[in-house]
Amino acid sequence: MSVAISLAMYAAPAAGGGGITMLLPLLLIPVLYFVMIRPQQKRQKQWQSMLTSVKPGDKVTTSGGIRGTILSIKDDVMIVKVAPDGIKMEIAKSAIASVTTQETSAS
């Protein structure tokens, strides 16, 4: 019995700081959520809304760095006209990194 008691004494946390050190991982989970996961989800939602709002005439930049003007949009692809030779390329919607909308000024 003395061996079991001595093992239990070594396995028990030290008095004083044992409770806080055990709670530290539980306290880090909300911090990681607000620092890492939530901003990524917000960027993903913004990107999805940008892709749903694209229309012909918008200037786009792909994730590969190709810039062009959208000519037509199908389900998951779009036809983009690339300068200077006016080459038409078929690009997946998921490859679009940013959109610059053509706006007409009232002045």
PDB file of N, CA and C in Angstrom:
ATOM      1  N   MET A   1       0.801  -1.192   0.000  1.00  0.00           N
ATOM      2  CA  MET A   1       0.000   0.000   0.000  1.00  0.00           C
ATOM      3  C   MET A   1       0.848   1.261   0.000  1.00  0.00           C
ATOM      4  N   SER A   2       2.005   1.210   0.577  1.00  0.00           N
ATOM      5  CA  SER A   2       2.817   2.414   0.658  1.00  0.00           C
ATOM      6  C   SER A   2       3.286   2.866  -0.729  1.00  0.00           C
ATOM      7  N   VAL A   3       3.475   1.934  -1.652  1.00  0.00           N
ATOM      8  CA  VAL A   3       3.868   2.293  -3.018  1.00  0.00           C
ATOM      9  C   VAL A   3       2.742   3.044  -3.716  1.00  0.00           C
ATOM     10  N   ALA A   4       1.506   2.605  -3.547  1.00  0.00           N
ATOM     11  CA  ALA A   4       0.360   3.273  -4.164  1.00  0.00           C
ATOM     12  C   ALA A   4       0.179   4.674  -3.613  1.00  0.00           C
ATOM     13  N   ILE A   5       0.391   4.840  -2.318  1.00  0.00           N
ATOM     14  CA  ILE A   5       0.253   6.163  -1.697  1.00  0.00           C
ATOM     15  C   ILE A   5       1.347   7.096  -2.187  1.00  0.00           C
ATOM     16  N   SER A   6       2.566   6.611  -2.301  1.00  0.00           N
ATOM     17  CA  SER A   6       3.662   7.462  -2.763  1.00  0.00           C
ATOM     18  C   SER A   6       3.474   7.842  -4.232  1.00  0.00           C
ATOM     19  N   LEU A   7       2.950   6.945  -5.067  1.00  0.00           N
ATOM     20  CA  LEU A   7       2.667   7.283  -6.466  1.00  0.00           C
ATOM     21  C   LEU A   7       1.561   8.319  -6.576  1.00  0.00           C
ATOM     22  N   ALA A   8       0.559   8.220  -5.720  1.00  0.00           N
ATOM     23  CA  ALA A   8      -0.524   9.192  -5.727  1.00  0.00           C
ATOM     24  C   ALA A   8      -0.020  10.562  -5.319  1.00  0.00           C
ATOM     25  N   MET A   9       0.942  10.610  -4.391  1.00  0.00           N
ATOM     26  CA  MET A   9       1.493  11.902  -3.958  1.00  0.00           C
ATOM     27  C   MET A   9       2.299  12.546  -5.081  1.00  0.00           C
ATOM     28  N   TYR A  10       3.035  11.758  -5.849  1.00  0.00           N
ATOM     29  CA  TYR A  10       3.809  12.316  -6.960  1.00  0.00           C
ATOM     30  C   TYR A  10       2.914  12.738  -8.118  1.00  0.00           C
ATOM     31  N   ALA A  11       1.817  12.043  -8.330  1.00  0.00           N
ATOM     32  CA  ALA A  11       0.916  12.352  -9.434  1.00  0.00           C
ATOM     33  C   ALA A  11       0.025  13.539  -9.127  1.00  0.00           C
ATOM     34  N   ALA A  12      -0.213  13.857  -7.865  1.00  0.00           N
ATOM     35  CA  ALA A  12      -1.080  14.974  -7.483  1.00  0.00           C
ATOM     36  C   ALA A  12      -0.395  16.286  -7.833  1.00  0.00           C
ATOM     37  N   PRO A  13      -1.147  17.279  -8.305  1.00  0.00           N
ATOM     38  CA  PRO A  13      -0.538  18.562  -8.637  1.00  0.00           C
ATOM     39  C   PRO A  13      -0.020  19.263  -7.389  1.00  0.00           C
ATOM     40  N   ALA A  14       0.991  20.084  -7.569  1.00  0.00           N
ATOM     41  CA  ALA A  14       1.570  20.806  -6.447  1.00  0.00           C
ATOM     42  C   ALA A  14       0.562  21.820  -5.916  1.00  0.00           C
ATOM     43  N   ALA A  15       0.567  22.020  -4.638  1.00  0.00           N
ATOM     44  CA  ALA A  15      -0.389  22.948  -4.024  1.00  0.00           C
ATOM     45  C   ALA A  15      -0.041  24.379  -4.425  1.00  0.00           C
ATOM     46  N   GLY A  16      -1.064  25.186  -4.692  1.00  0.00           N
ATOM     47  CA  GLY A  16      -0.841  26.591  -5.006  1.00  0.00           C
ATOM     48  C   GLY A  16      -1.139  26.932  -6.458  1.00  0.00           C
ATOM     49  N   GLY A  17      -0.338  26.477  -7.388  1.00  0.00           N
ATOM     50  CA  GLY A  17      -0.500  26.870  -8.783  1.00  0.00           C
ATOM     51  C   GLY A  17      -1.077  25.803  -9.673  1.00  0.00           C
ATOM     52  N   GLY A  18      -1.408  24.672  -9.142  1.00  0.00           N
ATOM     53  CA  GLY A  18      -1.894  23.555  -9.952  1.00  0.00           C
ATOM     54  C   GLY A  18      -3.192  23.840 -10.663  1.00  0.00           C
ATOM     55  N   GLY A  19      -4.117  24.543 -10.027  1.00  0.00           N
ATOM     56  CA  GLY A  19      -5.423  24.804 -10.626  1.00  0.00           C
ATOM     57  C   GLY A  19      -5.356  25.754 -11.800  1.00  0.00           C
ATOM     58  N   ILE A  20      -4.537  26.786 -11.703  1.00  0.00           N
ATOM     59  CA  ILE A  20      -4.433  27.784 -12.772  1.00  0.00           C
ATOM     60  C   ILE A  20      -3.726  27.196 -13.993  1.00  0.00           C
ATOM     61  N   THR A  21      -2.701  26.414 -13.771  1.00  0.00           N
ATOM     62  CA  THR A  21      -2.001  25.824 -14.909  1.00  0.00           C
ATOM     63  C   THR A  21      -2.876  24.820 -15.647  1.00  0.00           C
ATOM     64  N   MET A  22      -3.814  24.213 -14.951  1.00  0.00           N
ATOM     65  CA  MET A  22      -4.722  23.280 -15.614  1.00  0.00           C
ATOM     66  C   MET A  22      -5.800  24.022 -16.389  1.00  0.00           C
ATOM     67  N   LEU A  23      -6.155  25.227 -15.971  1.00  0.00           N
ATOM     68  CA  LEU A  23      -7.170  26.026 -16.661  1.00  0.00           C
ATOM     69  C   LEU A  23      -6.607  26.802 -17.845  1.00  0.00           C
ATOM     70  N   LEU A  24      -5.313  26.972 -17.906  1.00  0.00           N
ATOM     71  CA  LEU A  24      -4.695  27.761 -18.969  1.00  0.00           C
ATOM     72  C   LEU A  24      -5.042  27.272 -20.367  1.00  0.00           C
ATOM     73  N   PRO A  25      -4.996  25.987 -20.682  1.00  0.00           N
ATOM     74  CA  PRO A  25      -5.401  25.548 -22.026  1.00  0.00           C
ATOM     75  C   PRO A  25      -6.862  25.856 -22.338  1.00  0.00           C
ATOM     76  N   LEU A  26      -7.724  25.772 -21.336  1.00  0.00           N
ATOM     77  CA  LEU A  26      -9.140  26.091 -21.559  1.00  0.00           C
ATOM     78  C   LEU A  26      -9.346  27.578 -21.815  1.00  0.00           C
ATOM     79  N   LEU A  27      -8.524  28.417 -21.218  1.00  0.00           N
ATOM     80  CA  LEU A  27      -8.625  29.855 -21.440  1.00  0.00           C
ATOM     81  C   LEU A  27      -8.054  30.271 -22.796  1.00  0.00           C
ATOM     82  N   LEU A  28      -7.157  29.475 -23.348  1.00  0.00           N
ATOM     83  CA  LEU A  28      -6.556  29.802 -24.633  1.00  0.00           C
ATOM     84  C   LEU A  28      -7.479  29.518 -25.813  1.00  0.00           C
ATOM     85  N   ILE A  29      -8.437  28.636 -25.654  1.00  0.00           N
ATOM     86  CA  ILE A  29      -9.335  28.293 -26.763  1.00  0.00           C
ATOM     87  C   ILE A  29     -10.140  29.500 -27.241  1.00  0.00           C
ATOM     88  N   PRO A  30     -10.789  30.281 -26.355  1.00  0.00           N
ATOM     89  CA  PRO A  30     -11.503  31.474 -26.852  1.00  0.00           C
ATOM     90  C   PRO A  30     -10.569  32.520 -27.450  1.00  0.00           C
ATOM     91  N   VAL A  31      -9.379  32.648 -26.892  1.00  0.00           N
ATOM     92  CA  VAL A  31      -8.425  33.615 -27.431  1.00  0.00           C
ATOM     93  C   VAL A  31      -8.028  33.223 -28.850  1.00  0.00           C
ATOM     94  N   LEU A  32      -7.743  31.957 -29.076  1.00  0.00           N
ATOM     95  CA  LEU A  32      -7.394  31.491 -30.416  1.00  0.00           C
ATOM     96  C   LEU A  32      -8.548  31.678 -31.389  1.00  0.00           C
ATOM     97  N   TYR A  33      -9.774  31.500 -30.911  1.00  0.00           N
ATOM     98  CA  TYR A  33     -10.932  31.693 -31.780  1.00  0.00           C
ATOM     99  C   TYR A  33     -11.006  33.137 -32.261  1.00  0.00           C
ATOM    100  N   PHE A  34     -10.884  34.098 -31.352  1.00  0.00           N
ATOM    101  CA  PHE A  34     -11.007  35.503 -31.730  1.00  0.00           C
ATOM    102  C   PHE A  34      -9.800  36.037 -32.482  1.00  0.00           C
ATOM    103  N   VAL A  35      -8.644  35.419 -32.301  1.00  0.00           N
ATOM    104  CA  VAL A  35      -7.438  35.902 -32.967  1.00  0.00           C
ATOM    105  C   VAL A  35      -7.228  35.249 -34.331  1.00  0.00           C
ATOM    106  N   MET A  36      -7.580  33.972 -34.469  1.00  0.00           N
ATOM    107  CA  MET A  36      -7.255  33.262 -35.699  1.00  0.00           C
ATOM    108  C   MET A  36      -8.476  32.828 -36.503  1.00  0.00           C
ATOM    109  N   ILE A  37      -9.414  32.160 -35.886  1.00  0.00           N
ATOM    110  CA  ILE A  37     -10.499  31.521 -36.628  1.00  0.00           C
ATOM    111  C   ILE A  37     -11.519  32.535 -37.113  1.00  0.00           C
ATOM    112  N   ARG A  38     -11.970  33.446 -36.254  1.00  0.00           N
ATOM    113  CA  ARG A  38     -13.015  34.402 -36.631  1.00  0.00           C
ATOM    114  C   ARG A  38     -12.577  35.333 -37.761  1.00  0.00           C
ATOM    115  N   PRO A  39     -11.377  35.922 -37.735  1.00  0.00           N
ATOM    116  CA  PRO A  39     -10.975  36.770 -38.866  1.00  0.00           C
ATOM    117  C   PRO A  39     -10.906  36.009 -40.192  1.00  0.00           C
ATOM    118  N   GLN A  40     -10.475  34.750 -40.158  1.00  0.00           N
ATOM    119  CA  GLN A  40     -10.423  33.949 -41.383  1.00  0.00           C
ATOM    120  C   GLN A  40     -11.820  33.698 -41.927  1.00  0.00           C
ATOM    121  N   GLN A  41     -12.779  33.402 -41.044  1.00  0.00           N
ATOM    122  CA  GLN A  41     -14.155  33.200 -41.489  1.00  0.00           C
ATOM    123  C   GLN A  41     -14.734  34.479 -42.077  1.00  0.00           C
ATOM    124  N   LYS A  42     -14.388  35.624 -41.503  1.00  0.00           N
ATOM    125  CA  LYS A  42     -14.879  36.910 -42.001  1.00  0.00           C
ATOM    126  C   LYS A  42     -14.321  37.194 -43.401  1.00  0.00           C
ATOM    127  N   ARG A  43     -13.023  36.944 -43.601  1.00  0.00           N
ATOM    128  CA  ARG A  43     -12.422  37.135 -44.930  1.00  0.00           C
ATOM    129  C   ARG A  43     -13.048  36.194 -45.951  1.00  0.00           C
ATOM    130  N   GLN A  44     -13.330  34.965 -45.549  1.00  0.00           N
ATOM    131  CA  GLN A  44     -13.947  33.988 -46.456  1.00  0.00           C
ATOM    132  C   GLN A  44     -15.335  34.449 -46.883  1.00  0.00           C
ATOM    133  N   LYS A  45     -16.119  34.985 -45.956  1.00  0.00           N
ATOM    134  CA  LYS A  45     -17.460  35.486 -46.293  1.00  0.00           C
ATOM    135  C   LYS A  45     -17.374  36.689 -47.224  1.00  0.00           C
ATOM    136  N   GLN A  46     -16.421  37.595 -47.000  1.00  0.00           N
ATOM    137  CA  GLN A  46     -16.248  38.757 -47.877  1.00  0.00           C
ATOM    138  C   GLN A  46     -15.857  38.310 -49.283  1.00  0.00           C
ATOM    139  N   TRP A  47     -14.976  37.323 -49.375  1.00  0.00           N
ATOM    140  CA  TRP A  47     -14.542  36.836 -50.684  1.00  0.00           C
ATOM    141  C   TRP A  47     -15.699  36.184 -51.421  1.00  0.00           C
ATOM    142  N   GLN A  48     -16.516  35.386 -50.709  1.00  0.00           N
ATOM    143  CA  GLN A  48     -17.674  34.742 -51.328  1.00  0.00           C
ATOM    144  C   GLN A  48     -18.671  35.781 -51.821  1.00  0.00           C
ATOM    145  N   SER A  49     -18.923  36.828 -51.035  1.00  0.00           N
ATOM    146  CA  SER A  49     -19.869  37.864 -51.471  1.00  0.00           C
ATOM    147  C   SER A  49     -19.307  38.638 -52.657  1.00  0.00           C
ATOM    148  N   MET A  50     -17.984  38.827 -52.711  1.00  0.00           N
ATOM    149  CA  MET A  50     -17.366  39.493 -53.859  1.00  0.00           C
ATOM    150  C   MET A  50     -17.569  38.654 -55.118  1.00  0.00           C
ATOM    151  N   LEU A  51     -17.403  37.330 -55.001  1.00  0.00           N
ATOM    152  CA  LEU A  51     -17.563  36.468 -56.177  1.00  0.00           C
ATOM    153  C   LEU A  51     -19.003  36.433 -56.668  1.00  0.00           C
ATOM    154  N   THR A  52     -19.961  36.502 -55.767  1.00  0.00           N
ATOM    155  CA  THR A  52     -21.359  36.478 -56.200  1.00  0.00           C
ATOM    156  C   THR A  52     -21.792  37.801 -56.814  1.00  0.00           C
ATOM    157  N   SER A  53     -21.074  38.883 -56.526  1.00  0.00           N
ATOM    158  CA  SER A  53     -21.481  40.192 -57.036  1.00  0.00           C
ATOM    159  C   SER A  53     -20.743  40.608 -58.312  1.00  0.00           C
ATOM    160  N   VAL A  54     -19.854  39.769 -58.847  1.00  0.00           N
ATOM    161  CA  VAL A  54     -19.153  40.150 -60.072  1.00  0.00           C
ATOM    162  C   VAL A  54     -20.127  40.145 -61.253  1.00  0.00           C
ATOM    163  N   LYS A  55     -19.852  41.041 -62.206  1.00  0.00           N
ATOM    164  CA  LYS A  55     -20.692  41.149 -63.392  1.00  0.00           C
ATOM    165  C   LYS A  55     -19.812  41.492 -64.582  1.00  0.00           C
ATOM    166  N   PRO A  56     -20.309  41.283 -65.792  1.00  0.00           N
ATOM    167  CA  PRO A  56     -19.521  41.644 -66.974  1.00  0.00           C
ATOM    168  C   PRO A  56     -19.174  43.132 -66.953  1.00  0.00           C
ATOM    169  N   GLY A  57     -17.936  43.422 -67.314  1.00  0.00           N
ATOM    170  CA  GLY A  57     -17.441  44.791 -67.301  1.00  0.00           C
ATOM    171  C   GLY A  57     -16.547  45.082 -66.116  1.00  0.00           C
ATOM    172  N   ASP A  58     -16.587  44.256 -65.095  1.00  0.00           N
ATOM    173  CA  ASP A  58     -15.715  44.445 -63.937  1.00  0.00           C
ATOM    174  C   ASP A  58     -14.288  44.056 -64.302  1.00  0.00           C
ATOM    175  N   LYS A  59     -13.346  44.787 -63.740  1.00  0.00           N
ATOM    176  CA  LYS A  59     -11.939  44.437 -63.913  1.00  0.00           C
ATOM    177  C   LYS A  59     -11.543  43.554 -62.739  1.00  0.00           C
ATOM    178  N   VAL A  60     -10.875  42.452 -63.049  1.00  0.00           N
ATOM    179  CA  VAL A  60     -10.497  41.482 -62.025  1.00  0.00           C
ATOM    180  C   VAL A  60      -9.000  41.205 -62.071  1.00  0.00           C
ATOM    181  N   THR A  61      -8.494  40.738 -60.937  1.00  0.00           N
ATOM    182  CA  THR A  61      -7.124  40.257 -60.830  1.00  0.00           C
ATOM    183  C   THR A  61      -7.196  38.841 -60.278  1.00  0.00           C
ATOM    184  N   THR A  62      -6.537  37.912 -60.943  1.00  0.00           N
ATOM    185  CA  THR A  62      -6.555  36.527 -60.484  1.00  0.00           C
ATOM    186  C   THR A  62      -5.495  36.311 -59.418  1.00  0.00           C
ATOM    187  N   SER A  63      -5.554  35.176 -58.766  1.00  0.00           N
ATOM    188  CA  SER A  63      -4.551  34.851 -57.752  1.00  0.00           C
ATOM    189  C   SER A  63      -3.181  34.639 -58.382  1.00  0.00           C
ATOM    190  N   GLY A  64      -3.140  34.388 -59.686  1.00  0.00           N
ATOM    191  CA  GLY A  64      -1.884  34.245 -60.400  1.00  0.00           C
ATOM    192  C   GLY A  64      -1.323  35.556 -60.917  1.00  0.00           C
ATOM    193  N   GLY A  65      -2.096  36.657 -60.757  1.00  0.00           N
ATOM    194  CA  GLY A  65      -1.621  37.978 -61.161  1.00  0.00           C
ATOM    195  C   GLY A  65      -2.105  38.436 -62.522  1.00  0.00           C
ATOM    196  N   ILE A  66      -2.976  37.678 -63.174  1.00  0.00           N
ATOM    197  CA  ILE A  66      -3.501  38.069 -64.477  1.00  0.00           C
ATOM    198  C   ILE A  66      -4.612  39.086 -64.268  1.00  0.00           C
ATOM    199  N   ARG A  67      -4.551  40.209 -65.000  1.00  0.00           N
ATOM    200  CA  ARG A  67      -5.572  41.245 -64.907  1.00  0.00           C
ATOM    201  C   ARG A  67      -6.338  41.300 -66.209  1.00  0.00           C
ATOM    202  N   GLY A  68      -7.644  41.492 -66.091  1.00  0.00           N
ATOM    203  CA  GLY A  68      -8.462  41.569 -67.284  1.00  0.00           C
ATOM    204  C   GLY A  68      -9.861  42.048 -66.966  1.00  0.00           C
ATOM    205  N   THR A  69     -10.683  42.116 -68.019  1.00  0.00           N
ATOM    206  CA  THR A  69     -12.067  42.576 -67.901  1.00  0.00           C
ATOM    207  C   THR A  69     -12.991  41.397 -68.172  1.00  0.00           C
ATOM    208  N   ILE A  70     -14.017  41.221 -67.345  1.00  0.00           N
ATOM    209  CA  ILE A  70     -14.953  40.116 -67.503  1.00  0.00           C
ATOM    210  C   ILE A  70     -15.849  40.379 -68.704  1.00  0.00           C
ATOM    211  N   LEU A  71     -15.931  39.405 -69.612  1.00  0.00           N
ATOM    212  CA  LEU A  71     -16.832  39.490 -70.754  1.00  0.00           C
ATOM    213  C   LEU A  71     -18.133  38.754 -70.492  1.00  0.00           C
ATOM    214  N   SER A  72     -18.053  37.547 -69.935  1.00  0.00           N
ATOM    215  CA  SER A  72     -19.258  36.779 -69.619  1.00  0.00           C
ATOM    216  C   SER A  72     -18.982  35.864 -68.436  1.00  0.00           C
ATOM    217  N   ILE A  73     -20.089  35.495 -67.765  1.00  0.00           N
ATOM    218  CA  ILE A  73     -19.990  34.650 -66.581  1.00  0.00           C
ATOM    219  C   ILE A  73     -20.892  33.438 -66.769  1.00  0.00           C
ATOM    220  N   LYS A  74     -20.327  32.263 -66.531  1.00  0.00           N
ATOM    221  CA  LYS A  74     -21.102  31.026 -66.533  1.00  0.00           C
ATOM    222  C   LYS A  74     -21.191  30.536 -65.098  1.00  0.00           C
ATOM    223  N   ASP A  75     -21.517  29.300 -64.867  1.00  0.00           N
ATOM    224  CA  ASP A  75     -21.696  28.780 -63.504  1.00  0.00           C
ATOM    225  C   ASP A  75     -20.468  29.000 -62.628  1.00  0.00           C
ATOM    226  N   ASP A  76     -19.373  28.346 -62.951  1.00  0.00           N
ATOM    227  CA  ASP A  76     -18.182  28.465 -62.118  1.00  0.00           C
ATOM    228  C   ASP A  76     -16.970  28.991 -62.877  1.00  0.00           C
ATOM    229  N   VAL A  77     -17.179  29.455 -64.101  1.00  0.00           N
ATOM    230  CA  VAL A  77     -16.087  30.041 -64.888  1.00  0.00           C
ATOM    231  C   VAL A  77     -16.529  31.373 -65.471  1.00  0.00           C
ATOM    232  N   MET A  78     -15.540  32.162 -65.854  1.00  0.00           N
ATOM    233  CA  MET A  78     -15.827  33.424 -66.519  1.00  0.00           C
ATOM    234  C   MET A  78     -14.819  33.637 -67.642  1.00  0.00           C
ATOM    235  N   ILE A  79     -15.285  34.312 -68.679  1.00  0.00           N
ATOM    236  CA  ILE A  79     -14.423  34.657 -69.802  1.00  0.00           C
ATOM    237  C   ILE A  79     -13.875  36.049 -69.533  1.00  0.00           C
ATOM    238  N   VAL A  80     -12.541  36.170 -69.547  1.00  0.00           N
ATOM    239  CA  VAL A  80     -11.870  37.419 -69.219  1.00  0.00           C
ATOM    240  C   VAL A  80     -11.043  37.851 -70.422  1.00  0.00           C
ATOM    241  N   LYS A  81     -11.171  39.129 -70.787  1.00  0.00           N
ATOM    242  CA  LYS A  81     -10.380  39.706 -71.884  1.00  0.00           C
ATOM    243  C   LYS A  81      -9.143  40.343 -71.266  1.00  0.00           C
ATOM    244  N   VAL A  82      -7.965  39.924 -71.752  1.00  0.00           N
ATOM    245  CA  VAL A  82      -6.698  40.374 -71.202  1.00  0.00           C
ATOM    246  C   VAL A  82      -6.020  41.312 -72.192  1.00  0.00           C
ATOM    247  N   ALA A  83      -5.543  42.451 -71.709  1.00  0.00           N
ATOM    248  CA  ALA A  83      -4.839  43.420 -72.547  1.00  0.00           C
ATOM    249  C   ALA A  83      -3.410  42.939 -72.748  1.00  0.00           C
ATOM    250  N   PRO A  84      -2.659  43.377 -73.705  1.00  0.00           N
ATOM    251  CA  PRO A  84      -2.923  44.382 -74.726  1.00  0.00           C
ATOM    252  C   PRO A  84      -3.492  43.805 -76.022  1.00  0.00           C
ATOM    253  N   ASP A  85      -3.408  42.488 -76.198  1.00  0.00           N
ATOM    254  CA  ASP A  85      -3.838  41.894 -77.466  1.00  0.00           C
ATOM    255  C   ASP A  85      -5.304  41.493 -77.469  1.00  0.00           C
ATOM    256  N   GLY A  86      -5.999  41.664 -76.374  1.00  0.00           N
ATOM    257  CA  GLY A  86      -7.402  41.304 -76.299  1.00  0.00           C
ATOM    258  C   GLY A  86      -7.636  39.801 -76.264  1.00  0.00           C
ATOM    259  N   ILE A  87      -6.708  39.074 -75.687  1.00  0.00           N
ATOM    260  CA  ILE A  87      -6.830  37.624 -75.598  1.00  0.00           C
ATOM    261  C   ILE A  87      -7.963  37.277 -74.637  1.00  0.00           C
ATOM    262  N   LYS A  88      -8.806  36.327 -75.029  1.00  0.00           N
ATOM    263  CA  LYS A  88      -9.902  35.885 -74.166  1.00  0.00           C
ATOM    264  C   LYS A  88      -9.471  34.609 -73.455  1.00  0.00           C
ATOM    265  N   MET A  89      -9.620  34.623 -72.136  1.00  0.00           N
ATOM    266  CA  MET A  89      -9.223  33.478 -71.326  1.00  0.00           C
ATOM    267  C   MET A  89     -10.411  33.013 -70.498  1.00  0.00           C
ATOM    268  N   GLU A  90     -10.505  31.706 -70.306  1.00  0.00           N
ATOM    269  CA  GLU A  90     -11.528  31.147 -69.432  1.00  0.00           C
ATOM    270  C   GLU A  90     -10.879  30.890 -68.073  1.00  0.00           C
ATOM    271  N   ILE A  91     -11.421  31.535 -67.034  1.00  0.00           N
ATOM    272  CA  ILE A  91     -10.824  31.474 -65.702  1.00  0.00           C
ATOM    273  C   ILE A  91     -11.871  30.994 -64.709  1.00  0.00           C
ATOM    274  N   ALA A  92     -11.473  30.151 -63.781  1.00  0.00           N
ATOM    275  CA  ALA A  92     -12.376  29.685 -62.724  1.00  0.00           C
ATOM    276  C   ALA A  92     -12.679  30.831 -61.771  1.00  0.00           C
ATOM    277  N   LYS A  93     -13.917  30.868 -61.286  1.00  0.00           N
ATOM    278  CA  LYS A  93     -14.304  31.922 -60.349  1.00  0.00           C
ATOM    279  C   LYS A  93     -13.457  31.883 -59.085  1.00  0.00           C
ATOM    280  N   SER A  94     -13.075  30.707 -58.657  1.00  0.00           N
ATOM    281  CA  SER A  94     -12.294  30.586 -57.426  1.00  0.00           C
ATOM    282  C   SER A  94     -10.887  31.162 -57.560  1.00  0.00           C
ATOM    283  N   ALA A  95     -10.438  31.450 -58.794  1.00  0.00           N
ATOM    284  CA  ALA A  95      -9.112  32.015 -59.003  1.00  0.00           C
ATOM    285  C   ALA A  95      -9.108  33.534 -58.917  1.00  0.00           C
ATOM    286  N   ILE A  96     -10.272  34.156 -58.755  1.00  0.00           N
ATOM    287  CA  ILE A  96     -10.349  35.613 -58.691  1.00  0.00           C
ATOM    288  C   ILE A  96      -9.914  36.069 -57.301  1.00  0.00           C
ATOM    289  N   ALA A  97      -8.924  36.975 -57.276  1.00  0.00           N
ATOM    290  CA  ALA A  97      -8.420  37.483 -56.000  1.00  0.00           C
ATOM    291  C   ALA A  97      -9.044  38.816 -55.637  1.00  0.00           C
ATOM    292  N   SER A  98      -9.267  39.696 -56.624  1.00  0.00           N
ATOM    293  CA  SER A  98      -9.867  40.997 -56.332  1.00  0.00           C
ATOM    294  C   SER A  98     -10.644  41.492 -57.538  1.00  0.00           C
ATOM    295  N   VAL A  99     -11.601  42.395 -57.265  1.00  0.00           N
ATOM    296  CA  VAL A  99     -12.474  42.938 -58.302  1.00  0.00           C
ATOM    297  C   VAL A  99     -12.463  44.455 -58.196  1.00  0.00           C
ATOM    298  N   THR A 100     -12.332  45.120 -59.348  1.00  0.00           N
ATOM    299  CA  THR A 100     -12.467  46.564 -59.423  1.00  0.00           C
ATOM    300  C   THR A 100     -13.672  46.849 -60.295  1.00  0.00           C
ATOM    301  N   THR A 101     -14.751  47.356 -59.696  1.00  0.00           N
ATOM    302  CA  THR A 101     -15.997  47.584 -60.425  1.00  0.00           C
ATOM    303  C   THR A 101     -15.893  48.868 -61.229  1.00  0.00           C
ATOM    304  N   GLN A 102     -16.380  48.827 -62.455  1.00  0.00           N
ATOM    305  CA  GLN A 102     -16.457  50.017 -63.280  1.00  0.00           C
ATOM    306  C   GLN A 102     -17.582  50.896 -62.751  1.00  0.00           C
ATOM    307  N   GLU A 103     -17.250  52.117 -62.332  1.00  0.00           N
ATOM    308  CA  GLU A 103     -18.268  53.034 -61.816  1.00  0.00           C
ATOM    309  C   GLU A 103     -18.315  54.255 -62.703  1.00  0.00           C
ATOM    310  N   THR A 104     -19.513  54.716 -62.989  1.00  0.00           N
ATOM    311  CA  THR A 104     -19.683  55.937 -63.776  1.00  0.00           C
ATOM    312  C   THR A 104     -19.885  57.090 -62.827  1.00  0.00           C
ATOM    313  N   SER A 105     -19.158  58.188 -63.056  1.00  0.00           N
ATOM    314  CA  SER A 105     -19.278  59.339 -62.166  1.00  0.00           C
ATOM    315  C   SER A 105     -20.381  60.264 -62.669  1.00  0.00           C
ATOM    316  N   ALA A 106     -21.114  60.885 -61.751  1.00  0.00           N
ATOM    317  CA  ALA A 106     -22.244  61.744 -62.092  1.00  0.00           C
ATOM    318  C   ALA A 106     -21.799  63.174 -62.372  1.00  0.00           C
ATOM    319  N   SER A 107     -20.550  63.516 -62.169  1.00  0.00           N
ATOM    320  CA  SER A 107     -20.115  64.896 -62.359  1.00  0.00           C
ATOM    321  C   SER A 107     -19.738  65.228 -63.757  1.00  0.00           C
TER     322      SER A 107
END
